[in-house]
Amino acid sequence: FTAEVQRSLRVLDGAVVIFDGVAGVESQSETVWHQADKFGVPRICFINKMDRLGASFEKSFQSILERLTADAQPINIPIGLEDRFNGVIDLIKMKAVYFEGGRGGQVEIRDIPEDLLAKAKEWRKKLIEKIVEQDDELLTQYLDNREPGEEQILSILRKATIERKIIPVLCGSSFKDKGVQPLLDAIIEFLPSPVDLPP
């Protein structure tokens, strides 16, 4: 289907690339990724199937870094894995987002669980460092121990995503509708609208 994929990529403003939380980057993903590079398509990654046996966010993310791009950067991480997966930690707002109800339709925002706070801070530090690299003024502020505000983070991340300098990574389980709402928000927030890209 290479020709059809190329025809599609030529007219896309942006793309969500979905990876298997167990297998990580597969050979076909690699082929399509390099085609998207060729056509300059801004991207968001979604590591899916976090609820499956053998799922590993770190392993899948590592495979993206090693096989596709060093510019991938998680903006949320999972709470629990396999049958214990029940939400994500938003690294921008530093809140835990839970998906309750039969199909995860009820979104509940709470404080990050105590046992995951250190891990969340570590991932957030990497995110902030990647973001401040994009702006000299922010970098100076950061070196003076002043973190950028949420609005600044969002606007720099949007600009960097459109310019393909950062590729936001999210995770979830689409089958159970867990993590899908933050993904839809990220599509609106970070991927280009038609006015952001030239014809």
N, C-alpha and C. Protein backbone atom coordinates (compact mmCIF):
# COMPACT_ATOMS: atom_id res chain seq x y z
N PHE A 1 0.82 -1.22 0.00
CA PHE A 1 0.00 0.00 0.00
C PHE A 1 0.86 1.27 0.00
N THR A 2 2.12 1.14 -0.34
CA THR A 2 3.03 2.28 -0.24
C THR A 2 2.56 3.50 -1.02
N ALA A 3 2.09 3.28 -2.25
CA ALA A 3 1.67 4.42 -3.09
C ALA A 3 0.49 5.15 -2.45
N GLU A 4 -0.49 4.40 -1.91
CA GLU A 4 -1.65 5.02 -1.27
C GLU A 4 -1.23 5.81 -0.03
N VAL A 5 -0.31 5.24 0.73
CA VAL A 5 0.18 5.92 1.94
C VAL A 5 0.84 7.23 1.55
N GLN A 6 1.66 7.20 0.52
CA GLN A 6 2.36 8.42 0.09
C GLN A 6 1.37 9.48 -0.39
N ARG A 7 0.34 9.03 -1.12
CA ARG A 7 -0.67 9.99 -1.60
C ARG A 7 -1.38 10.66 -0.43
N SER A 8 -1.67 9.85 0.60
CA SER A 8 -2.35 10.40 1.79
C SER A 8 -1.45 11.38 2.53
N LEU A 9 -0.19 10.96 2.72
CA LEU A 9 0.75 11.80 3.48
C LEU A 9 0.96 13.16 2.82
N ARG A 10 0.88 13.18 1.51
CA ARG A 10 1.13 14.43 0.78
C ARG A 10 0.11 15.52 1.13
N VAL A 11 -1.11 15.10 1.51
CA VAL A 11 -2.16 16.10 1.75
C VAL A 11 -2.52 16.26 3.24
N LEU A 12 -1.80 15.55 4.12
CA LEU A 12 -2.12 15.65 5.55
C LEU A 12 -1.54 16.93 6.16
N ASP A 13 -2.31 17.57 7.05
CA ASP A 13 -1.77 18.69 7.83
C ASP A 13 -1.02 18.16 9.05
N GLY A 14 -1.46 17.03 9.57
CA GLY A 14 -0.81 16.44 10.75
C GLY A 14 -1.24 15.00 10.88
N ALA A 15 -0.55 14.24 11.73
CA ALA A 15 -0.88 12.82 11.87
C ALA A 15 -0.71 12.36 13.32
N VAL A 16 -1.51 11.36 13.70
CA VAL A 16 -1.32 10.67 14.98
C VAL A 16 -0.78 9.29 14.62
N VAL A 17 0.41 8.98 15.13
CA VAL A 17 1.02 7.68 14.84
C VAL A 17 0.78 6.78 16.05
N ILE A 18 0.12 5.64 15.81
CA ILE A 18 -0.27 4.76 16.92
C ILE A 18 0.67 3.57 17.00
N PHE A 19 1.18 3.35 18.21
CA PHE A 19 2.10 2.22 18.45
C PHE A 19 1.47 1.24 19.43
N ASP A 20 1.87 -0.01 19.32
CA ASP A 20 1.40 -1.05 20.23
C ASP A 20 2.23 -0.98 21.51
N GLY A 21 1.55 -0.90 22.65
CA GLY A 21 2.24 -0.79 23.94
C GLY A 21 3.05 -2.01 24.31
N VAL A 22 2.82 -3.12 23.62
CA VAL A 22 3.59 -4.34 23.88
C VAL A 22 4.74 -4.45 22.89
N ALA A 23 4.44 -4.27 21.60
CA ALA A 23 5.45 -4.48 20.54
C ALA A 23 6.31 -3.25 20.28
N GLY A 24 5.82 -2.04 20.63
CA GLY A 24 6.58 -0.82 20.33
C GLY A 24 6.62 -0.56 18.83
N VAL A 25 7.75 -0.06 18.34
CA VAL A 25 7.88 0.25 16.91
C VAL A 25 7.99 -1.05 16.10
N GLU A 26 7.11 -1.20 15.10
CA GLU A 26 7.16 -2.37 14.22
C GLU A 26 7.68 -1.92 12.85
N SER A 27 8.05 -2.88 12.02
CA SER A 27 8.72 -2.53 10.76
C SER A 27 7.88 -1.63 9.87
N GLN A 28 6.56 -1.89 9.82
CA GLN A 28 5.70 -1.06 8.97
C GLN A 28 5.63 0.39 9.49
N SER A 29 5.63 0.52 10.84
CA SER A 29 5.61 1.86 11.44
C SER A 29 6.83 2.65 10.98
N GLU A 30 7.96 1.95 10.92
CA GLU A 30 9.22 2.59 10.54
C GLU A 30 9.15 3.12 9.10
N THR A 31 8.60 2.30 8.20
CA THR A 31 8.47 2.70 6.79
C THR A 31 7.61 3.95 6.66
N VAL A 32 6.43 3.92 7.30
CA VAL A 32 5.49 5.05 7.19
C VAL A 32 6.08 6.30 7.85
N TRP A 33 6.80 6.10 8.95
CA TRP A 33 7.42 7.24 9.65
C TRP A 33 8.39 7.97 8.72
N HIS A 34 9.22 7.22 8.02
CA HIS A 34 10.21 7.85 7.13
C HIS A 34 9.52 8.53 5.94
N GLN A 35 8.38 7.97 5.51
CA GLN A 35 7.62 8.63 4.44
C GLN A 35 7.04 9.95 4.96
N ALA A 36 6.57 9.95 6.20
CA ALA A 36 6.02 11.18 6.79
C ALA A 36 7.12 12.24 6.94
N ASP A 37 8.35 11.79 7.25
CA ASP A 37 9.49 12.72 7.30
C ASP A 37 9.69 13.39 5.95
N LYS A 38 9.61 12.57 4.91
CA LYS A 38 9.83 13.05 3.54
C LYS A 38 8.83 14.13 3.16
N PHE A 39 7.58 13.97 3.63
CA PHE A 39 6.54 14.96 3.29
C PHE A 39 6.36 16.04 4.36
N GLY A 40 7.23 16.02 5.38
CA GLY A 40 7.20 17.08 6.41
C GLY A 40 5.92 17.13 7.21
N VAL A 41 5.39 15.97 7.60
CA VAL A 41 4.11 15.94 8.33
C VAL A 41 4.35 16.04 9.84
N PRO A 42 3.80 17.07 10.51
CA PRO A 42 3.89 17.15 11.97
C PRO A 42 3.13 15.97 12.61
N ARG A 43 3.66 15.46 13.72
CA ARG A 43 3.09 14.24 14.31
C ARG A 43 2.93 14.29 15.81
N ILE A 44 1.99 13.46 16.29
CA ILE A 44 1.84 13.14 17.71
C ILE A 44 1.90 11.62 17.77
N CYS A 45 2.52 11.06 18.81
CA CYS A 45 2.54 9.60 18.97
C CYS A 45 1.56 9.19 20.07
N PHE A 46 0.91 8.07 19.86
CA PHE A 46 0.01 7.51 20.88
C PHE A 46 0.41 6.05 21.11
N ILE A 47 0.88 5.77 22.32
CA ILE A 47 1.24 4.38 22.66
C ILE A 47 -0.02 3.73 23.23
N ASN A 48 -0.57 2.82 22.45
CA ASN A 48 -1.88 2.22 22.72
C ASN A 48 -1.73 0.89 23.48
N LYS A 49 -2.86 0.33 23.88
CA LYS A 49 -2.92 -1.02 24.50
C LYS A 49 -2.12 -1.10 25.81
N MET A 50 -2.18 -0.03 26.59
CA MET A 50 -1.50 -0.03 27.88
C MET A 50 -2.12 -1.04 28.86
N ASP A 51 -3.32 -1.50 28.52
CA ASP A 51 -4.01 -2.45 29.40
C ASP A 51 -3.69 -3.91 29.05
N ARG A 52 -2.90 -4.12 28.00
CA ARG A 52 -2.62 -5.50 27.57
C ARG A 52 -1.50 -6.14 28.38
N LEU A 53 -1.54 -7.45 28.49
CA LEU A 53 -0.50 -8.19 29.19
C LEU A 53 0.85 -7.95 28.50
N GLY A 54 1.84 -7.57 29.27
CA GLY A 54 3.18 -7.33 28.70
C GLY A 54 3.40 -5.90 28.23
N ALA A 55 2.40 -5.01 28.45
CA ALA A 55 2.54 -3.61 28.01
C ALA A 55 3.64 -2.92 28.82
N SER A 56 4.43 -2.09 28.14
CA SER A 56 5.47 -1.32 28.82
C SER A 56 5.62 0.02 28.13
N PHE A 57 5.26 1.09 28.85
CA PHE A 57 5.36 2.43 28.28
C PHE A 57 6.83 2.76 27.99
N GLU A 58 7.71 2.50 28.99
CA GLU A 58 9.13 2.84 28.84
C GLU A 58 9.76 2.12 27.65
N LYS A 59 9.46 0.83 27.52
CA LYS A 59 10.06 0.03 26.44
C LYS A 59 9.58 0.54 25.06
N SER A 60 8.29 0.80 24.95
CA SER A 60 7.75 1.30 23.68
C SER A 60 8.31 2.67 23.34
N PHE A 61 8.39 3.54 24.36
CA PHE A 61 8.93 4.88 24.14
C PHE A 61 10.40 4.79 23.73
N GLN A 62 11.15 3.92 24.38
CA GLN A 62 12.56 3.73 24.05
C GLN A 62 12.73 3.28 22.60
N SER A 63 11.81 2.42 22.12
CA SER A 63 11.91 1.95 20.73
C SER A 63 11.65 3.11 19.75
N ILE A 64 10.81 4.07 20.13
CA ILE A 64 10.57 5.26 19.29
C ILE A 64 11.86 6.08 19.23
N LEU A 65 12.49 6.29 20.39
CA LEU A 65 13.73 7.08 20.45
C LEU A 65 14.84 6.43 19.62
N GLU A 66 14.97 5.11 19.75
CA GLU A 66 16.07 4.42 19.08
C GLU A 66 15.86 4.21 17.59
N ARG A 67 14.60 3.94 17.20
CA ARG A 67 14.38 3.56 15.80
C ARG A 67 13.79 4.67 14.93
N LEU A 68 13.20 5.70 15.57
CA LEU A 68 12.52 6.72 14.75
C LEU A 68 13.06 8.13 14.94
N THR A 69 13.05 8.63 16.17
CA THR A 69 13.45 10.02 16.38
C THR A 69 13.87 10.27 17.81
N ALA A 70 14.84 11.16 17.98
CA ALA A 70 15.27 11.54 19.33
C ALA A 70 14.42 12.72 19.84
N ASP A 71 13.51 13.21 18.99
CA ASP A 71 12.70 14.39 19.36
C ASP A 71 11.38 14.04 20.02
N ALA A 72 11.11 12.74 20.21
CA ALA A 72 9.86 12.34 20.88
C ALA A 72 9.93 12.72 22.35
N GLN A 73 8.80 13.21 22.88
CA GLN A 73 8.78 13.65 24.28
C GLN A 73 7.42 13.39 24.92
N PRO A 74 7.35 12.51 25.93
CA PRO A 74 6.06 12.23 26.56
C PRO A 74 5.46 13.48 27.22
N ILE A 75 4.15 13.66 27.03
CA ILE A 75 3.45 14.73 27.75
C ILE A 75 2.45 14.12 28.74
N ASN A 76 2.28 12.78 28.66
CA ASN A 76 1.62 12.09 29.76
C ASN A 76 2.21 10.68 29.90
N ILE A 77 2.07 10.12 31.10
CA ILE A 77 2.59 8.78 31.37
C ILE A 77 1.49 7.96 32.04
N PRO A 78 1.55 6.62 31.95
CA PRO A 78 0.44 5.82 32.48
C PRO A 78 0.42 5.70 34.00
N ILE A 79 -0.79 5.52 34.54
CA ILE A 79 -0.95 5.16 35.95
C ILE A 79 -1.31 3.68 35.94
N GLY A 80 -0.38 2.85 36.38
CA GLY A 80 -0.60 1.40 36.35
C GLY A 80 -0.41 0.86 34.94
N LEU A 81 -0.27 -0.46 34.83
CA LEU A 81 -0.11 -1.11 33.53
C LEU A 81 -0.92 -2.39 33.51
N GLU A 82 -1.11 -2.93 32.32
CA GLU A 82 -1.86 -4.18 32.13
C GLU A 82 -3.26 -4.02 32.76
N ASP A 83 -3.72 -4.99 33.57
CA ASP A 83 -5.08 -4.89 34.09
C ASP A 83 -5.22 -3.81 35.18
N ARG A 84 -4.09 -3.22 35.60
CA ARG A 84 -4.16 -2.15 36.60
C ARG A 84 -4.09 -0.75 35.96
N PHE A 85 -4.06 -0.69 34.63
CA PHE A 85 -4.01 0.62 33.96
C PHE A 85 -5.37 1.32 34.11
N ASN A 86 -5.36 2.49 34.75
CA ASN A 86 -6.65 3.18 34.93
C ASN A 86 -6.60 4.69 34.73
N GLY A 87 -5.47 5.19 34.25
CA GLY A 87 -5.41 6.63 34.01
C GLY A 87 -4.04 7.07 33.54
N VAL A 88 -3.87 8.39 33.39
CA VAL A 88 -2.58 8.95 32.97
C VAL A 88 -2.23 10.15 33.85
N ILE A 89 -0.94 10.44 33.90
CA ILE A 89 -0.50 11.65 34.59
C ILE A 89 -0.18 12.70 33.54
N ASP A 90 -0.87 13.82 33.61
CA ASP A 90 -0.65 14.94 32.70
C ASP A 90 0.60 15.68 33.19
N LEU A 91 1.68 15.64 32.41
CA LEU A 91 2.95 16.23 32.84
C LEU A 91 2.99 17.74 32.66
N ILE A 92 2.02 18.30 31.94
CA ILE A 92 1.98 19.76 31.78
C ILE A 92 1.23 20.37 32.97
N LYS A 93 0.06 19.82 33.27
CA LYS A 93 -0.74 20.34 34.41
C LYS A 93 -0.32 19.71 35.74
N MET A 94 0.46 18.62 35.68
CA MET A 94 0.86 17.85 36.87
C MET A 94 -0.37 17.43 37.68
N LYS A 95 -1.26 16.74 36.98
CA LYS A 95 -2.47 16.19 37.60
C LYS A 95 -2.65 14.75 37.12
N ALA A 96 -3.33 13.95 37.94
CA ALA A 96 -3.68 12.59 37.53
C ALA A 96 -5.05 12.62 36.88
N VAL A 97 -5.18 11.98 35.72
CA VAL A 97 -6.45 11.95 35.00
C VAL A 97 -6.93 10.49 34.98
N TYR A 98 -8.09 10.25 35.63
CA TYR A 98 -8.64 8.89 35.69
C TYR A 98 -9.85 8.77 34.77
N PHE A 99 -10.06 7.57 34.27
CA PHE A 99 -11.18 7.32 33.36
C PHE A 99 -12.09 6.28 34.00
N GLU A 100 -13.18 6.76 34.57
CA GLU A 100 -14.09 5.87 35.31
C GLU A 100 -15.27 5.46 34.43
N GLY A 101 -16.13 4.61 34.97
CA GLY A 101 -17.30 4.16 34.20
C GLY A 101 -16.89 3.00 33.30
N GLY A 102 -17.88 2.33 32.75
CA GLY A 102 -17.64 1.14 31.93
C GLY A 102 -16.67 1.36 30.80
N ARG A 103 -16.76 2.49 30.09
CA ARG A 103 -15.90 2.73 28.93
C ARG A 103 -15.00 3.94 29.13
N GLY A 104 -14.68 4.23 30.37
CA GLY A 104 -13.76 5.34 30.64
C GLY A 104 -14.31 6.70 30.26
N GLY A 105 -15.65 6.78 30.12
CA GLY A 105 -16.26 8.04 29.66
C GLY A 105 -16.25 9.14 30.70
N GLN A 106 -16.13 8.75 31.97
CA GLN A 106 -16.14 9.74 33.05
C GLN A 106 -14.70 10.14 33.35
N VAL A 107 -14.33 11.36 33.00
CA VAL A 107 -12.95 11.80 33.23
C VAL A 107 -12.88 12.50 34.58
N GLU A 108 -11.99 12.03 35.44
CA GLU A 108 -11.82 12.63 36.77
C GLU A 108 -10.39 13.10 36.93
N ILE A 109 -10.24 14.36 37.34
CA ILE A 109 -8.90 14.93 37.52
C ILE A 109 -8.63 15.02 39.02
N ARG A 110 -7.53 14.39 39.44
CA ARG A 110 -7.18 14.37 40.87
C ARG A 110 -5.69 14.68 41.04
N ASP A 111 -5.26 14.72 42.29
CA ASP A 111 -3.83 14.90 42.56
C ASP A 111 -3.09 13.62 42.20
N ILE A 112 -1.81 13.78 41.86
CA ILE A 112 -0.99 12.62 41.50
C ILE A 112 -0.78 11.74 42.74
N PRO A 113 -0.97 10.43 42.62
CA PRO A 113 -0.73 9.55 43.78
C PRO A 113 0.70 9.72 44.30
N GLU A 114 0.82 9.68 45.61
CA GLU A 114 2.10 9.90 46.30
C GLU A 114 3.23 9.02 45.75
N ASP A 115 2.91 7.74 45.47
CA ASP A 115 3.96 6.81 45.02
C ASP A 115 4.43 7.07 43.58
N LEU A 116 3.70 7.91 42.84
CA LEU A 116 4.09 8.20 41.45
C LEU A 116 4.63 9.62 41.27
N LEU A 117 4.62 10.38 42.35
CA LEU A 117 4.99 11.81 42.26
C LEU A 117 6.45 12.00 41.82
N ALA A 118 7.37 11.23 42.41
CA ALA A 118 8.80 11.38 42.06
C ALA A 118 9.03 11.05 40.59
N LYS A 119 8.37 9.98 40.11
CA LYS A 119 8.51 9.57 38.71
C LYS A 119 7.94 10.65 37.78
N ALA A 120 6.78 11.22 38.16
CA ALA A 120 6.15 12.27 37.35
C ALA A 120 7.05 13.50 37.27
N LYS A 121 7.67 13.86 38.39
CA LYS A 121 8.56 15.04 38.41
C LYS A 121 9.77 14.82 37.51
N GLU A 122 10.27 13.59 37.51
CA GLU A 122 11.43 13.25 36.67
C GLU A 122 11.08 13.39 35.18
N TRP A 123 9.92 12.84 34.78
CA TRP A 123 9.47 12.94 33.37
C TRP A 123 9.18 14.40 33.00
N ARG A 124 8.59 15.15 33.94
CA ARG A 124 8.26 16.55 33.67
C ARG A 124 9.54 17.38 33.46
N LYS A 125 10.57 17.09 34.26
CA LYS A 125 11.84 17.81 34.14
C LYS A 125 12.40 17.65 32.72
N LYS A 126 12.33 16.42 32.19
CA LYS A 126 12.82 16.18 30.81
C LYS A 126 11.99 16.96 29.80
N LEU A 127 10.66 17.00 30.03
CA LEU A 127 9.76 17.73 29.13
C LEU A 127 10.10 19.22 29.13
N ILE A 128 10.24 19.79 30.34
CA ILE A 128 10.52 21.23 30.46
C ILE A 128 11.87 21.56 29.81
N GLU A 129 12.86 20.70 30.02
CA GLU A 129 14.19 20.95 29.43
C GLU A 129 14.11 20.95 27.90
N LYS A 130 13.32 20.04 27.35
CA LYS A 130 13.15 19.96 25.89
C LYS A 130 12.44 21.22 25.37
N ILE A 131 11.48 21.72 26.15
CA ILE A 131 10.71 22.90 25.73
C ILE A 131 11.55 24.18 25.80
N VAL A 132 12.29 24.35 26.91
CA VAL A 132 13.07 25.60 27.04
C VAL A 132 14.21 25.68 26.02
N GLU A 133 14.66 24.52 25.52
CA GLU A 133 15.68 24.52 24.46
C GLU A 133 15.20 25.25 23.21
N GLN A 134 13.89 25.34 23.04
CA GLN A 134 13.32 25.93 21.82
C GLN A 134 13.28 27.46 21.85
N ASP A 135 13.54 28.05 23.04
CA ASP A 135 13.36 29.50 23.17
C ASP A 135 14.46 30.06 24.08
N ASP A 136 15.28 30.98 23.55
CA ASP A 136 16.42 31.51 24.31
C ASP A 136 16.00 32.20 25.60
N GLU A 137 14.91 32.98 25.51
CA GLU A 137 14.44 33.72 26.68
C GLU A 137 14.01 32.76 27.80
N LEU A 138 13.25 31.72 27.40
CA LEU A 138 12.80 30.72 28.38
C LEU A 138 13.97 29.96 28.96
N LEU A 139 14.98 29.69 28.14
CA LEU A 139 16.16 28.96 28.60
C LEU A 139 16.89 29.76 29.67
N THR A 140 17.03 31.07 29.43
CA THR A 140 17.68 31.96 30.41
C THR A 140 16.91 31.94 31.73
N GLN A 141 15.57 32.05 31.62
CA GLN A 141 14.72 32.02 32.82
C GLN A 141 14.90 30.70 33.56
N TYR A 142 14.93 29.61 32.81
CA TYR A 142 15.03 28.27 33.41
C TYR A 142 16.36 28.11 34.14
N LEU A 143 17.42 28.65 33.54
CA LEU A 143 18.74 28.57 34.18
C LEU A 143 18.78 29.41 35.46
N ASP A 144 17.86 30.39 35.55
CA ASP A 144 17.71 31.20 36.78
C ASP A 144 16.70 30.56 37.73
N ASN A 145 16.43 29.28 37.50
CA ASN A 145 15.47 28.51 38.34
C ASN A 145 14.03 29.02 38.27
N ARG A 146 13.64 29.56 37.10
CA ARG A 146 12.23 29.97 36.93
C ARG A 146 11.62 29.10 35.83
N GLU A 147 10.64 28.28 36.23
CA GLU A 147 9.98 27.38 35.27
C GLU A 147 8.98 28.14 34.42
N PRO A 148 8.82 27.79 33.14
CA PRO A 148 7.79 28.45 32.33
C PRO A 148 6.39 28.10 32.83
N GLY A 149 5.44 29.01 32.62
CA GLY A 149 4.05 28.77 33.02
C GLY A 149 3.37 27.84 32.02
N GLU A 150 2.16 27.40 32.38
CA GLU A 150 1.42 26.44 31.53
C GLU A 150 1.16 27.01 30.13
N GLU A 151 0.77 28.29 30.07
CA GLU A 151 0.49 28.92 28.76
C GLU A 151 1.73 28.92 27.87
N GLN A 152 2.86 29.27 28.47
CA GLN A 152 4.12 29.29 27.71
C GLN A 152 4.48 27.89 27.20
N ILE A 153 4.31 26.90 28.09
CA ILE A 153 4.63 25.51 27.71
C ILE A 153 3.78 25.11 26.51
N LEU A 154 2.47 25.39 26.59
CA LEU A 154 1.56 24.99 25.51
C LEU A 154 1.89 25.68 24.20
N SER A 155 2.17 26.98 24.26
CA SER A 155 2.42 27.70 23.00
C SER A 155 3.75 27.29 22.37
N ILE A 156 4.80 27.09 23.18
CA ILE A 156 6.09 26.65 22.63
C ILE A 156 5.96 25.23 22.08
N LEU A 157 5.22 24.37 22.81
CA LEU A 157 5.06 22.98 22.38
C LEU A 157 4.29 22.91 21.06
N ARG A 158 3.29 23.76 20.91
CA ARG A 158 2.53 23.80 19.65
C ARG A 158 3.45 24.19 18.48
N LYS A 159 4.20 25.28 18.70
CA LYS A 159 5.10 25.77 17.66
C LYS A 159 6.15 24.70 17.29
N ALA A 160 6.73 24.06 18.33
CA ALA A 160 7.76 23.06 18.09
C ALA A 160 7.20 21.81 17.42
N THR A 161 5.94 21.46 17.72
CA THR A 161 5.30 20.30 17.08
C THR A 161 5.08 20.57 15.60
N ILE A 162 4.57 21.76 15.30
CA ILE A 162 4.31 22.12 13.90
C ILE A 162 5.62 22.18 13.10
N GLU A 163 6.69 22.64 13.77
CA GLU A 163 8.00 22.72 13.09
C GLU A 163 8.76 21.39 13.13
N ARG A 164 8.14 20.37 13.75
CA ARG A 164 8.70 19.02 13.87
C ARG A 164 10.01 18.98 14.66
N LYS A 165 10.09 19.88 15.66
CA LYS A 165 11.26 19.87 16.54
C LYS A 165 10.99 19.04 17.80
N ILE A 166 9.70 18.90 18.15
CA ILE A 166 9.29 18.03 19.25
C ILE A 166 8.11 17.20 18.77
N ILE A 167 8.09 15.93 19.15
CA ILE A 167 6.94 15.08 18.82
C ILE A 167 6.32 14.61 20.13
N PRO A 168 5.16 15.19 20.52
CA PRO A 168 4.53 14.80 21.79
C PRO A 168 4.11 13.33 21.77
N VAL A 169 4.30 12.66 22.91
CA VAL A 169 3.93 11.24 23.04
C VAL A 169 2.90 11.11 24.17
N LEU A 170 1.78 10.44 23.84
CA LEU A 170 0.74 10.18 24.84
C LEU A 170 0.51 8.67 24.91
N CYS A 171 -0.28 8.24 25.90
CA CYS A 171 -0.53 6.80 26.00
C CYS A 171 -1.96 6.54 26.46
N GLY A 172 -2.40 5.30 26.29
CA GLY A 172 -3.75 4.95 26.71
C GLY A 172 -4.18 3.59 26.19
N SER A 173 -5.48 3.38 26.27
CA SER A 173 -6.08 2.16 25.72
C SER A 173 -7.31 2.57 24.94
N SER A 174 -7.20 2.58 23.61
CA SER A 174 -8.33 3.07 22.80
C SER A 174 -9.54 2.15 22.91
N PHE A 175 -9.29 0.85 23.11
CA PHE A 175 -10.39 -0.11 23.22
C PHE A 175 -11.28 0.21 24.42
N LYS A 176 -10.65 0.65 25.52
CA LYS A 176 -11.41 0.95 26.73
C LYS A 176 -11.67 2.44 26.90
N ASP A 177 -11.34 3.23 25.86
CA ASP A 177 -11.53 4.69 25.91
C ASP A 177 -10.79 5.35 27.07
N LYS A 178 -9.64 4.82 27.41
CA LYS A 178 -8.83 5.43 28.47
C LYS A 178 -7.64 6.12 27.83
N GLY A 179 -7.51 7.42 28.06
CA GLY A 179 -6.42 8.18 27.45
C GLY A 179 -6.77 8.76 26.10
N VAL A 180 -7.98 8.47 25.61
CA VAL A 180 -8.39 8.97 24.29
C VAL A 180 -8.74 10.46 24.37
N GLN A 181 -9.39 10.86 25.47
CA GLN A 181 -9.77 12.28 25.61
C GLN A 181 -8.54 13.20 25.61
N PRO A 182 -7.48 12.88 26.40
CA PRO A 182 -6.27 13.72 26.32
C PRO A 182 -5.64 13.73 24.93
N LEU A 183 -5.77 12.61 24.20
CA LEU A 183 -5.22 12.56 22.84
C LEU A 183 -5.98 13.53 21.93
N LEU A 184 -7.32 13.53 22.04
CA LEU A 184 -8.12 14.45 21.22
C LEU A 184 -7.80 15.90 21.56
N ASP A 185 -7.60 16.18 22.86
CA ASP A 185 -7.21 17.54 23.27
C ASP A 185 -5.86 17.91 22.67
N ALA A 186 -4.92 16.94 22.65
CA ALA A 186 -3.58 17.20 22.12
C ALA A 186 -3.62 17.47 20.61
N ILE A 187 -4.52 16.78 19.90
CA ILE A 187 -4.66 17.00 18.45
C ILE A 187 -5.07 18.45 18.22
N ILE A 188 -6.04 18.92 19.01
CA ILE A 188 -6.51 20.31 18.86
C ILE A 188 -5.42 21.30 19.29
N GLU A 189 -4.76 20.97 20.38
CA GLU A 189 -3.78 21.88 20.99
C GLU A 189 -2.50 22.01 20.18
N PHE A 190 -2.00 20.88 19.63
CA PHE A 190 -0.64 20.90 19.07
C PHE A 190 -0.53 20.70 17.56
N LEU A 191 -1.43 19.93 16.96
CA LEU A 191 -1.30 19.72 15.52
C LEU A 191 -1.79 20.96 14.75
N PRO A 192 -1.25 21.19 13.55
CA PRO A 192 -1.59 22.42 12.83
C PRO A 192 -3.02 22.46 12.32
N SER A 193 -3.56 23.66 12.32
CA SER A 193 -4.82 23.89 11.60
C SER A 193 -4.42 24.22 10.15
N PRO A 194 -5.36 24.23 9.20
CA PRO A 194 -4.98 24.53 7.81
C PRO A 194 -4.25 25.87 7.65
N VAL A 195 -4.52 26.84 8.55
CA VAL A 195 -3.87 28.16 8.38
C VAL A 195 -2.42 28.15 8.86
N ASP A 196 -2.03 27.09 9.60
CA ASP A 196 -0.66 27.05 10.13
C ASP A 196 0.36 26.57 9.09
N LEU A 197 -0.12 25.93 8.03
CA LEU A 197 0.79 25.36 7.05
C LEU A 197 0.57 25.98 5.67
N PRO A 198 1.64 26.15 4.91
CA PRO A 198 1.46 26.69 3.55
C PRO A 198 0.74 25.66 2.68
N PRO A 199 0.15 26.10 1.55
CA PRO A 199 -0.53 25.14 0.65
C PRO A 199 0.45 24.10 0.14
